[in-house]
N, C-alpha and C. Protein backbone atom coordinates (compact mmCIF):
# COMPACT_ATOMS: atom_id res chain seq x y z
N MET A 1 30.03 -11.99 -11.87
CA MET A 1 27.86 -12.04 -11.79
C MET A 1 27.58 -10.91 -11.41
N LEU A 2 26.50 -10.26 -12.38
CA LEU A 2 25.97 -8.80 -12.39
C LEU A 2 24.94 -8.83 -11.11
N PRO A 3 24.27 -7.93 -10.61
CA PRO A 3 23.56 -7.85 -9.13
C PRO A 3 22.34 -7.95 -10.21
N PRO A 4 21.37 -9.04 -9.35
CA PRO A 4 20.06 -8.68 -9.54
C PRO A 4 19.78 -7.04 -9.98
N VAL A 5 18.74 -6.97 -10.87
CA VAL A 5 17.95 -5.65 -11.39
C VAL A 5 17.14 -5.51 -10.62
N VAL A 6 16.20 -6.50 -9.86
CA VAL A 6 14.97 -6.06 -9.08
C VAL A 6 15.55 -7.04 -7.62
N ARG A 7 15.25 -5.94 -6.47
CA ARG A 7 15.75 -6.72 -5.11
C ARG A 7 14.10 -6.96 -4.39
N LEU A 8 13.63 -8.28 -4.09
CA LEU A 8 12.80 -8.41 -3.64
C LEU A 8 12.90 -8.00 -2.17
N VAL A 9 11.56 -7.53 -1.82
CA VAL A 9 11.28 -6.81 -0.33
C VAL A 9 10.22 -7.73 0.37
N ARG A 10 10.01 -8.52 1.16
CA ARG A 10 9.17 -9.45 1.50
C ARG A 10 8.94 -8.74 2.67
N LEU A 11 7.57 -8.19 2.84
CA LEU A 11 7.01 -7.57 3.95
C LEU A 11 5.96 -8.60 4.68
N ASN A 12 6.00 -8.78 6.17
CA ASN A 12 4.88 -9.52 6.66
C ASN A 12 4.04 -8.82 6.35
N ARG A 13 2.27 -9.56 6.87
CA ARG A 13 1.22 -9.19 6.81
C ARG A 13 1.07 -8.21 7.50
N LEU A 14 0.67 -7.08 7.32
CA LEU A 14 0.18 -6.11 8.28
C LEU A 14 -0.91 -5.33 7.87
N PRO A 15 -1.55 -4.40 8.82
CA PRO A 15 -3.01 -3.93 8.66
C PRO A 15 -2.92 -2.64 7.02
N TYR A 16 -3.47 -2.98 6.68
CA TYR A 16 -3.47 -1.82 5.52
C TYR A 16 -2.80 -0.30 5.43
N ALA A 17 -3.53 -0.07 6.58
CA ALA A 17 -2.87 1.36 6.81
C ALA A 17 -1.40 1.37 6.95
N GLU A 18 -0.56 0.59 7.65
CA GLU A 18 0.61 0.39 7.99
C GLU A 18 1.41 -0.12 6.88
N LEU A 19 1.09 -0.65 5.86
CA LEU A 19 1.51 -0.99 4.17
C LEU A 19 1.58 0.32 3.78
N LEU A 20 0.26 0.94 3.62
CA LEU A 20 0.44 2.24 2.83
C LEU A 20 1.27 3.09 3.25
N ALA A 21 1.28 3.46 4.65
CA ALA A 21 2.52 4.29 5.29
C ALA A 21 3.73 4.01 4.93
N LEU A 22 4.44 2.42 4.96
CA LEU A 22 5.39 2.12 4.60
C LEU A 22 5.72 2.57 3.10
N GLN A 23 5.07 2.32 2.06
CA GLN A 23 5.07 2.48 0.92
C GLN A 23 5.27 4.06 0.66
N GLU A 24 4.50 4.63 1.16
CA GLU A 24 4.86 6.28 1.05
C GLU A 24 5.87 6.83 1.72
N ARG A 25 6.81 6.26 2.69
CA ARG A 25 7.75 6.27 3.13
C ARG A 25 9.16 6.32 2.52
N TRP A 26 8.48 4.99 1.65
CA TRP A 26 9.50 4.51 0.55
C TRP A 26 9.91 5.22 -0.73
N LEU A 27 8.63 5.73 -1.16
CA LEU A 27 8.49 6.58 -1.98
C LEU A 27 9.17 7.74 -2.06
N ARG A 28 8.92 8.34 -0.80
CA ARG A 28 9.59 9.95 0.14
C ARG A 28 11.11 9.79 -0.70
N ARG A 29 11.65 8.59 0.47
CA ARG A 29 13.08 8.23 0.52
C ARG A 29 13.31 8.07 -1.06
N LEU A 30 12.36 7.75 -2.09
CA LEU A 30 13.14 7.31 -3.23
C LEU A 30 13.40 8.68 -4.13
N GLN A 31 12.55 9.53 -3.79
CA GLN A 31 12.27 10.80 -4.41
C GLN A 31 13.33 11.97 -3.81
N ALA A 32 13.97 11.53 -2.81
CA ALA A 32 14.90 12.60 -1.67
C ALA A 32 16.26 12.71 -2.60
N GLU A 33 16.59 13.83 -2.44
CA GLU A 33 18.12 14.44 -2.95
C GLU A 33 18.97 13.26 -1.84
N PRO A 34 19.82 13.15 -3.07
CA PRO A 34 20.90 11.96 -2.50
C PRO A 34 21.72 12.78 -1.17
N GLY A 35 22.02 12.23 -0.40
CA GLY A 35 22.68 12.59 0.98
C GLY A 35 22.13 13.09 2.11
N SER A 36 20.31 12.91 1.86
CA SER A 36 19.79 13.13 2.72
C SER A 36 19.08 11.95 2.87
N GLU A 37 17.65 11.68 3.30
CA GLU A 37 17.26 10.55 3.90
C GLU A 37 16.92 9.28 2.50
N ALA A 38 17.89 9.56 1.27
CA ALA A 38 17.49 8.85 -0.08
C ALA A 38 17.91 7.41 0.13
N LEU A 39 17.40 6.63 -0.45
CA LEU A 39 17.59 5.27 -0.67
C LEU A 39 18.90 4.95 -1.36
N SER A 40 19.51 3.55 -0.79
CA SER A 40 20.73 3.17 -1.37
C SER A 40 20.19 2.95 -2.95
N ALA A 41 21.24 2.60 -3.60
CA ALA A 41 21.30 2.13 -4.95
C ALA A 41 20.48 0.63 -5.01
N ALA A 42 20.56 0.19 -3.90
CA ALA A 42 19.92 -1.49 -3.84
C ALA A 42 18.45 -1.29 -3.33
N GLU A 43 18.34 -0.53 -2.65
CA GLU A 43 17.27 0.18 -2.33
C GLU A 43 15.95 0.50 -3.22
N ALA A 44 16.70 1.47 -4.00
CA ALA A 44 15.97 1.96 -5.07
C ALA A 44 15.11 1.16 -5.84
N GLY A 45 16.34 -0.14 -6.36
CA GLY A 45 15.69 -1.29 -7.49
C GLY A 45 15.06 -2.46 -6.49
N ALA A 46 14.10 -2.29 -5.75
CA ALA A 46 13.33 -2.91 -5.05
C ALA A 46 11.83 -3.09 -5.22
N LEU A 47 11.51 -4.21 -4.95
CA LEU A 47 10.12 -4.63 -5.30
C LEU A 47 9.54 -4.63 -4.04
N LEU A 48 8.44 -4.37 -3.38
CA LEU A 48 7.99 -4.58 -2.13
C LEU A 48 6.94 -4.96 -2.04
N LEU A 49 6.94 -6.56 -1.39
CA LEU A 49 5.78 -7.79 -1.57
C LEU A 49 5.24 -7.44 -0.36
N CYS A 50 3.87 -7.20 -0.40
CA CYS A 50 3.28 -7.16 0.80
C CYS A 50 1.58 -7.59 0.63
N GLU A 51 1.18 -7.78 1.85
CA GLU A 51 -0.63 -8.22 1.60
C GLU A 51 -0.92 -7.59 3.08
N PRO A 52 -2.26 -7.33 2.97
CA PRO A 52 -2.89 -6.85 4.03
C PRO A 52 -2.91 -8.13 4.73
N ALA A 53 -3.04 -7.60 6.52
CA ALA A 53 -3.22 -8.52 7.41
C ALA A 53 -5.09 -9.11 7.51
N GLY A 54 -5.58 -8.44 6.79
CA GLY A 54 -6.95 -8.84 6.74
C GLY A 54 -7.84 -8.03 5.44
N PRO A 55 -9.16 -8.17 5.30
CA PRO A 55 -9.97 -7.75 4.35
C PRO A 55 -9.81 -6.20 4.45
N VAL A 56 -9.78 -5.66 3.08
CA VAL A 56 -9.61 -4.37 3.01
C VAL A 56 -10.69 -3.53 2.01
N TYR A 57 -11.11 -2.38 2.32
CA TYR A 57 -11.91 -1.97 0.61
C TYR A 57 -11.14 -0.60 0.68
N THR A 58 -11.33 -0.22 -0.53
CA THR A 58 -10.49 1.48 -0.51
C THR A 58 -11.79 1.82 -1.47
N SER A 59 -11.97 3.04 -1.17
CA SER A 59 -13.41 4.02 -1.34
C SER A 59 -13.13 4.48 -2.63
N GLY A 60 -12.01 5.19 -2.66
CA GLY A 60 -11.74 6.06 -3.87
C GLY A 60 -12.36 7.60 -3.64
N LEU A 61 -11.99 8.41 -4.65
CA LEU A 61 -12.31 9.38 -4.73
C LEU A 61 -13.70 9.85 -4.62
N ARG A 62 -14.38 9.39 -5.31
CA ARG A 62 -15.88 8.95 -5.43
C ARG A 62 -16.86 8.68 -4.34
N GLY A 63 -16.16 7.81 -3.67
CA GLY A 63 -16.80 7.02 -2.95
C GLY A 63 -17.53 6.05 -3.20
N GLY A 64 -18.86 5.87 -3.74
CA GLY A 64 -19.45 5.27 -4.65
C GLY A 64 -20.09 3.80 -3.74
N LEU A 65 -19.83 3.57 -2.45
CA LEU A 65 -20.62 2.70 -1.68
C LEU A 65 -21.78 3.00 -0.75
N THR A 66 -22.53 2.08 -1.14
CA THR A 66 -23.88 2.63 -0.29
C THR A 66 -23.57 2.28 1.12
N PRO A 67 -24.27 3.18 2.22
CA PRO A 67 -24.33 2.64 3.46
C PRO A 67 -24.23 1.19 4.17
N GLU A 68 -25.38 0.51 3.29
CA GLU A 68 -25.42 -0.79 3.42
C GLU A 68 -24.20 -1.66 2.94
N GLU A 69 -23.63 -1.64 1.97
CA GLU A 69 -22.30 -2.36 1.62
C GLU A 69 -20.83 -1.83 2.21
N THR A 70 -21.13 -0.60 2.93
CA THR A 70 -20.00 -0.39 3.91
C THR A 70 -20.44 -0.80 5.19
N ALA A 71 -21.41 -1.14 5.18
CA ALA A 71 -21.83 -1.77 6.97
C ALA A 71 -21.56 -3.28 6.54
N ARG A 72 -21.88 -3.95 5.69
CA ARG A 72 -21.59 -5.27 5.29
C ARG A 72 -20.04 -5.46 5.24
N LEU A 73 -19.10 -4.67 4.75
CA LEU A 73 -17.86 -4.92 4.76
C LEU A 73 -17.19 -4.90 6.18
N ARG A 74 -17.81 -3.67 6.89
CA ARG A 74 -17.24 -3.29 8.12
C ARG A 74 -17.65 -4.86 9.22
N ALA A 75 -18.59 -5.21 8.77
CA ALA A 75 -18.98 -6.86 9.62
C ALA A 75 -18.26 -7.67 9.22
N LEU A 76 -17.58 -7.59 8.04
CA LEU A 76 -16.42 -8.72 7.68
C LEU A 76 -15.32 -8.25 8.45
N GLY A 77 -15.10 -7.21 8.94
CA GLY A 77 -13.60 -6.80 9.65
C GLY A 77 -12.54 -6.11 8.74
N ALA A 78 -13.48 -5.80 7.48
CA ALA A 78 -12.55 -4.96 6.60
C ALA A 78 -12.28 -3.61 7.24
N GLU A 79 -10.64 -3.12 6.71
CA GLU A 79 -10.51 -1.95 7.09
C GLU A 79 -10.89 -1.14 6.16
N GLU A 80 -11.46 0.02 6.13
CA GLU A 80 -11.84 1.01 5.10
C GLU A 80 -10.48 2.05 5.03
N SER A 81 -10.09 2.57 3.52
CA SER A 81 -9.13 3.25 3.19
C SER A 81 -9.56 4.01 1.65
N ALA A 82 -9.85 5.58 2.14
CA ALA A 82 -9.47 6.13 0.73
C ALA A 82 -8.55 6.51 0.23
N VAL A 83 -8.05 6.18 -1.28
CA VAL A 83 -6.92 5.90 -1.75
C VAL A 83 -7.13 6.99 -3.09
N GLU A 84 -6.23 7.93 -2.91
CA GLU A 84 -6.18 8.66 -4.05
C GLU A 84 -5.85 8.11 -5.38
N GLY A 85 -6.39 8.46 -6.33
CA GLY A 85 -6.04 7.84 -7.62
C GLY A 85 -6.85 6.63 -7.71
N THR A 86 -7.92 6.62 -7.05
CA THR A 86 -8.80 5.17 -7.48
C THR A 86 -9.80 6.08 -7.16
N SER A 87 -10.79 5.80 -8.35
CA SER A 87 -12.10 6.42 -8.83
C SER A 87 -13.18 5.43 -8.40
N ARG A 88 -13.14 4.17 -7.92
CA ARG A 88 -14.11 3.05 -7.82
C ARG A 88 -13.68 2.36 -6.77
N PRO A 89 -14.93 1.91 -5.65
CA PRO A 89 -14.80 0.90 -4.62
C PRO A 89 -13.83 -0.11 -5.05
N THR A 90 -13.03 -0.51 -4.31
CA THR A 90 -12.46 -1.92 -4.40
C THR A 90 -12.26 -2.71 -3.35
N ALA A 91 -12.32 -4.00 -3.17
CA ALA A 91 -12.45 -4.68 -1.90
C ALA A 91 -11.53 -5.66 -2.33
N TRP A 92 -10.38 -6.04 -1.08
CA TRP A 92 -9.75 -7.53 -0.86
C TRP A 92 -10.24 -8.19 0.26
N LEU A 93 -10.63 -9.18 0.08
CA LEU A 93 -11.19 -9.93 1.06
C LEU A 93 -10.34 -11.22 1.41
């Protein structure tokens, strides 16, 4: 029997900042030279499944949220994160 093409890695619900840092570490290891801190073949074929522990909004490079919108989202307990490659605000509540 052939091994699965994709290995699912189920992560617990964590604060968004922790999830982003974990994904960035995984990417650095994926891009590392073999023999260093590189991922194993099994790890390289992984799909990370994760969900932020609470509401999050990403402001993107252009910002785009008014001070009132920012205050409303913070009042909901949302984490804020500026994400490279995102041009528009996005909220996950």
